[in-house]
Amino acid sequence: MYNRFVVKVITKIITVAAIFSLFASIYQILEAKKKISQERQSVLTVDFAHHPELMLSGQSETFAYHVEAPPSFTTTSTAIYYSYDSTPSALTKFDSPDAVRYPNYTEDYFVGPFKLPDTFDLNLSFPHPGTIYYRAYAKVGNDHLWTNENKLEVK
C-alpha cells in the first residue's frame, strides 16, 4: 500500500513537471515568434542627415544619409542616385533602381553587406552647372528604401 502511494505521488510529480515543461516550451516559442514579428514590422527608413543645396561645379561637397533598421539587419546595396533630369514620383519599397530613371549613382557603398543602422557619408562633385536631382537609396531585405527627391543648384 505504501508503494502504491509513492508511485501515485511520483506519477503526479512527473505529470506536473511535464505539463510545466510543455507550457515553458510554448511560452519560449511564442516569445521568439513575437520577436521575429517585431523585427519584420520594424520601421525601415532612409533619410538625409546632411546635404548641400548649392555647389560649385567641380568642387566636392559632403552628403550623408542614415538608414534606420533593427541592429540585426544589413543592406546589400546603398547609394545616392542622381540626374540632371527630375523623377519626382513617389517611390515605394517595390521600386528597384532599374525602375527609376537616374542614370548616375555613387559607388562608395554600392556593394555590401553593411550593418545597420548606420550613417553613410560620401563626397560628390558635379562637372557641369545646372540643377541636380537626387535620392538616397538602400536595399534592406526585399525592400527598396528611397528618400524623397531632393535638388541642388550647381553653379
C-alpha atoms as a PDB file:
ATOM      1  CA  MET A   1       0.000   0.000   0.000  1.00  0.00           C
ATOM      2  CA  TYR A   2       2.820   2.326   0.836  1.00  0.00           C
ATOM      3  CA  ASN A   3       4.432   1.585  -2.555  1.00  0.00           C
ATOM      4  CA  ARG A   4       1.205   2.418  -4.420  1.00  0.00           C
ATOM      5  CA  PHE A   5       1.026   5.756  -2.654  1.00  0.00           C
ATOM      6  CA  VAL A   6       4.640   6.566  -3.561  1.00  0.00           C
ATOM      7  CA  VAL A   7       4.058   5.531  -7.166  1.00  0.00           C
ATOM      8  CA  LYS A   8       0.961   7.773  -7.384  1.00  0.00           C
ATOM      9  CA  VAL A   9       2.831  10.739  -5.908  1.00  0.00           C
ATOM     10  CA  ILE A  10       5.799  10.254  -8.222  1.00  0.00           C
ATOM     11  CA  THR A  11       3.435   9.881 -11.196  1.00  0.00           C
ATOM     12  CA  LYS A  12       1.680  13.154 -10.273  1.00  0.00           C
ATOM     13  CA  ILE A  13       5.016  14.943  -9.836  1.00  0.00           C
ATOM     14  CA  ILE A  14       6.209  13.711 -13.240  1.00  0.00           C
ATOM     15  CA  THR A  15       2.889  14.730 -14.834  1.00  0.00           C
ATOM     16  CA  VAL A  16       3.051  18.227 -13.304  1.00  0.00           C
ATOM     17  CA  ALA A  17       6.686  18.595 -14.375  1.00  0.00           C
ATOM     18  CA  ALA A  18       5.845  17.502 -17.929  1.00  0.00           C
ATOM     19  CA  ILE A  19       2.924  19.952 -18.112  1.00  0.00           C
ATOM     20  CA  PHE A  20       5.125  22.754 -16.747  1.00  0.00           C
ATOM     21  CA  SER A  21       7.846  21.915 -19.274  1.00  0.00           C
ATOM     22  CA  LEU A  22       5.307  21.921 -22.102  1.00  0.00           C
ATOM     23  CA  PHE A  23       3.977  25.365 -21.085  1.00  0.00           C
ATOM     24  CA  ALA A  24       7.527  26.710 -20.731  1.00  0.00           C
ATOM     25  CA  SER A  25       8.350  25.483 -24.244  1.00  0.00           C
ATOM     26  CA  ILE A  26       5.185  27.008 -25.685  1.00  0.00           C
ATOM     27  CA  TYR A  27       5.983  30.312 -23.949  1.00  0.00           C
ATOM     28  CA  GLN A  28       9.512  30.341 -25.408  1.00  0.00           C
ATOM     29  CA  ILE A  29       8.180  29.631 -28.903  1.00  0.00           C
ATOM     30  CA  LEU A  30       5.605  32.435 -28.625  1.00  0.00           C
ATOM     31  CA  GLU A  31       8.240  34.893 -27.380  1.00  0.00           C
ATOM     32  CA  ALA A  32      10.556  34.003 -30.280  1.00  0.00           C
ATOM     33  CA  LYS A  33       7.707  34.466 -32.783  1.00  0.00           C
ATOM     34  CA  LYS A  34       6.856  37.811 -31.178  1.00  0.00           C
ATOM     35  CA  LYS A  35      10.458  38.999 -31.512  1.00  0.00           C
ATOM     36  CA  ILE A  36      10.641  37.926 -35.165  1.00  0.00           C
ATOM     37  CA  SER A  37       7.314  39.637 -35.859  1.00  0.00           C
ATOM     38  CA  GLN A  38       8.515  42.871 -34.240  1.00  0.00           C
ATOM     39  CA  GLU A  39      11.655  42.867 -36.377  1.00  0.00           C
ATOM     40  CA  ARG A  40       9.631  42.286 -39.536  1.00  0.00           C
ATOM     41  CA  GLN A  41       7.246  45.091 -38.621  1.00  0.00           C
ATOM     42  CA  SER A  42      10.018  47.454 -37.609  1.00  0.00           C
ATOM     43  CA  VAL A  43      10.368  50.729 -39.398  1.00  0.00           C
ATOM     44  CA  LEU A  44      12.915  50.735 -42.195  1.00  0.00           C
ATOM     45  CA  THR A  45      13.790  54.222 -43.411  1.00  0.00           C
ATOM     46  CA  VAL A  46      16.447  56.169 -45.242  1.00  0.00           C
ATOM     47  CA  ASP A  47      16.800  59.921 -44.659  1.00  0.00           C
ATOM     48  CA  PHE A  48      19.401  62.547 -45.428  1.00  0.00           C
ATOM     49  CA  ALA A  49      21.410  63.684 -42.420  1.00  0.00           C
ATOM     50  CA  HIS A  50      23.328  66.320 -44.410  1.00  0.00           C
ATOM     51  CA  HIS A  51      23.184  67.536 -47.996  1.00  0.00           C
ATOM     52  CA  PRO A  52      24.070  70.831 -49.645  1.00  0.00           C
ATOM     53  CA  GLU A  53      21.563  72.973 -51.512  1.00  0.00           C
ATOM     54  CA  LEU A  54      24.171  74.826 -53.552  1.00  0.00           C
ATOM     55  CA  MET A  55      27.507  73.701 -55.006  1.00  0.00           C
ATOM     56  CA  LEU A  56      30.166  74.947 -57.374  1.00  0.00           C
ATOM     57  CA  SER A  57      30.863  72.750 -60.394  1.00  0.00           C
ATOM     58  CA  GLY A  58      33.950  70.634 -59.959  1.00  0.00           C
ATOM     59  CA  GLN A  59      34.098  71.170 -56.187  1.00  0.00           C
ATOM     60  CA  SER A  60      33.399  68.332 -53.787  1.00  0.00           C
ATOM     61  CA  GLU A  61      30.766  68.509 -51.041  1.00  0.00           C
ATOM     62  CA  THR A  62      29.784  66.020 -48.336  1.00  0.00           C
ATOM     63  CA  PHE A  63      26.484  64.180 -48.395  1.00  0.00           C
ATOM     64  CA  ALA A  64      25.336  61.968 -45.505  1.00  0.00           C
ATOM     65  CA  TYR A  65      22.278  59.778 -45.149  1.00  0.00           C
ATOM     66  CA  HIS A  66      21.063  57.452 -42.425  1.00  0.00           C
ATOM     67  CA  VAL A  67      19.479  54.032 -42.892  1.00  0.00           C
ATOM     68  CA  GLU A  68      17.326  53.107 -39.899  1.00  0.00           C
ATOM     69  CA  ALA A  69      16.719  49.411 -39.245  1.00  0.00           C
ATOM     70  CA  PRO A  70      16.992  46.918 -36.384  1.00  0.00           C
ATOM     71  CA  PRO A  71      20.596  46.013 -35.443  1.00  0.00           C
ATOM     72  CA  SER A  72      20.266  42.527 -36.926  1.00  0.00           C
ATOM     73  CA  PHE A  73      19.629  43.926 -40.438  1.00  0.00           C
ATOM     74  CA  THR A  74      22.080  44.706 -43.242  1.00  0.00           C
ATOM     75  CA  THR A  75      21.911  46.477 -46.566  1.00  0.00           C
ATOM     76  CA  THR A  76      23.305  44.755 -49.625  1.00  0.00           C
ATOM     77  CA  SER A  77      23.452  47.971 -51.629  1.00  0.00           C
ATOM     78  CA  THR A  78      23.138  51.649 -50.792  1.00  0.00           C
ATOM     79  CA  ALA A  79      23.903  54.742 -52.864  1.00  0.00           C
ATOM     80  CA  ILE A  80      22.839  58.201 -53.922  1.00  0.00           C
ATOM     81  CA  TYR A  81      21.145  58.171 -57.322  1.00  0.00           C
ATOM     82  CA  TYR A  82      21.176  61.438 -59.272  1.00  0.00           C
ATOM     83  CA  SER A  83      20.476  63.111 -62.583  1.00  0.00           C
ATOM     84  CA  TYR A  84      20.096  66.488 -64.266  1.00  0.00           C
ATOM     85  CA  ASP A  85      16.509  65.366 -65.014  1.00  0.00           C
ATOM     86  CA  SER A  86      13.836  65.092 -62.345  1.00  0.00           C
ATOM     87  CA  THR A  87      11.999  61.884 -61.443  1.00  0.00           C
ATOM     88  CA  PRO A  88       9.612  63.362 -58.869  1.00  0.00           C
ATOM     89  CA  SER A  89       7.187  60.474 -58.421  1.00  0.00           C
ATOM     90  CA  ALA A  90       6.778  58.828 -55.046  1.00  0.00           C
ATOM     91  CA  LEU A  91       8.710  55.587 -54.853  1.00  0.00           C
ATOM     92  CA  THR A  92       7.635  52.511 -52.923  1.00  0.00           C
ATOM     93  CA  LYS A  93       9.566  49.654 -51.368  1.00  0.00           C
ATOM     94  CA  PHE A  94       8.880  47.693 -54.575  1.00  0.00           C
ATOM     95  CA  ASP A  95      10.644  50.223 -56.870  1.00  0.00           C
ATOM     96  CA  SER A  96      14.131  48.972 -57.649  1.00  0.00           C
ATOM     97  CA  PRO A  97      16.796  51.291 -59.066  1.00  0.00           C
ATOM     98  CA  ASP A  98      16.102  49.792 -62.509  1.00  0.00           C
ATOM     99  CA  ALA A  99      12.588  51.244 -62.343  1.00  0.00           C
ATOM    100  CA  VAL A 100      13.883  54.746 -61.599  1.00  0.00           C
ATOM    101  CA  ARG A 101      15.405  56.912 -64.300  1.00  0.00           C
ATOM    102  CA  TYR A 102      18.501  58.173 -62.508  1.00  0.00           C
ATOM    103  CA  PRO A 103      21.452  57.239 -64.728  1.00  0.00           C
ATOM    104  CA  ASN A 104      24.116  58.069 -62.124  1.00  0.00           C
ATOM    105  CA  TYR A 105      24.830  56.637 -58.695  1.00  0.00           C
ATOM    106  CA  THR A 106      27.613  56.668 -56.139  1.00  0.00           C
ATOM    107  CA  GLU A 107      29.756  53.554 -55.841  1.00  0.00           C
ATOM    108  CA  ASP A 108      31.176  54.045 -52.321  1.00  0.00           C
ATOM    109  CA  TYR A 109      28.683  51.672 -50.663  1.00  0.00           C
ATOM    110  CA  PHE A 110      27.095  50.119 -53.745  1.00  0.00           C
ATOM    111  CA  VAL A 111      28.121  46.540 -52.904  1.00  0.00           C
ATOM    112  CA  GLY A 112      27.565  45.347 -49.323  1.00  0.00           C
ATOM    113  CA  PRO A 113      26.688  43.956 -46.948  1.00  0.00           C
ATOM    114  CA  PHE A 114      26.784  46.841 -44.486  1.00  0.00           C
ATOM    115  CA  LYS A 115      25.485  46.524 -40.920  1.00  0.00           C
ATOM    116  CA  LEU A 116      22.526  48.653 -39.926  1.00  0.00           C
ATOM    117  CA  PRO A 117      21.543  51.068 -38.565  1.00  0.00           C
ATOM    118  CA  ASP A 118      24.257  53.311 -39.960  1.00  0.00           C
ATOM    119  CA  THR A 119      25.010  56.708 -41.462  1.00  0.00           C
ATOM    120  CA  PHE A 120      26.746  56.715 -44.829  1.00  0.00           C
ATOM    121  CA  ASP A 121      28.747  59.750 -45.828  1.00  0.00           C
ATOM    122  CA  LEU A 122      30.500  60.468 -49.097  1.00  0.00           C
ATOM    123  CA  ASN A 123      31.840  63.322 -51.179  1.00  0.00           C
ATOM    124  CA  LEU A 124      30.295  64.222 -54.515  1.00  0.00           C
ATOM    125  CA  SER A 125      31.201  66.701 -57.196  1.00  0.00           C
ATOM    126  CA  PHE A 126      29.372  67.569 -60.405  1.00  0.00           C
ATOM    127  CA  PRO A 127      31.261  68.645 -63.534  1.00  0.00           C
ATOM    128  CA  HIS A 128      28.542  70.820 -65.117  1.00  0.00           C
ATOM    129  CA  PRO A 129      26.359  73.658 -63.813  1.00  0.00           C
ATOM    130  CA  GLY A 130      22.632  73.001 -63.562  1.00  0.00           C
ATOM    131  CA  THR A 131      20.043  71.518 -61.254  1.00  0.00           C
ATOM    132  CA  ILE A 132      20.847  68.087 -59.837  1.00  0.00           C
ATOM    133  CA  TYR A 133      18.007  65.844 -58.662  1.00  0.00           C
ATOM    134  CA  TYR A 134      18.941  63.086 -56.254  1.00  0.00           C
ATOM    135  CA  ARG A 135      17.726  60.489 -53.756  1.00  0.00           C
ATOM    136  CA  ALA A 136      19.394  58.223 -51.228  1.00  0.00           C
ATOM    137  CA  TYR A 137      18.674  54.524 -51.645  1.00  0.00           C
ATOM    138  CA  ALA A 138      19.181  51.334 -49.617  1.00  0.00           C
ATOM    139  CA  LYS A 139      18.145  47.750 -50.276  1.00  0.00           C
ATOM    140  CA  VAL A 140      17.221  46.084 -46.984  1.00  0.00           C
ATOM    141  CA  GLY A 141      15.988  42.519 -47.331  1.00  0.00           C
ATOM    142  CA  ASN A 142      13.495  42.613 -50.193  1.00  0.00           C
ATOM    143  CA  ASP A 143      12.631  46.280 -49.600  1.00  0.00           C
ATOM    144  CA  HIS A 144      13.920  49.158 -51.725  1.00  0.00           C
ATOM    145  CA  LEU A 145      14.089  52.240 -49.493  1.00  0.00           C
ATOM    146  CA  TRP A 146      14.184  55.734 -51.025  1.00  0.00           C
ATOM    147  CA  THR A 147      14.236  59.303 -49.787  1.00  0.00           C
ATOM    148  CA  ASN A 148      12.060  61.894 -51.452  1.00  0.00           C
ATOM    149  CA  GLU A 149      13.675  63.593 -54.434  1.00  0.00           C
ATOM    150  CA  ASN A 150      15.920  66.490 -53.469  1.00  0.00           C
ATOM    151  CA  LYS A 151      17.511  69.090 -55.685  1.00  0.00           C
ATOM    152  CA  LEU A 152      20.534  71.328 -55.584  1.00  0.00           C
ATOM    153  CA  GLU A 153      21.911  74.025 -57.811  1.00  0.00           C
ATOM    154  CA  VAL A 154      25.377  73.600 -59.263  1.00  0.00           C
ATOM    155  CA  LYS A 155      26.878  76.962 -60.291  1.00  0.00           C
END
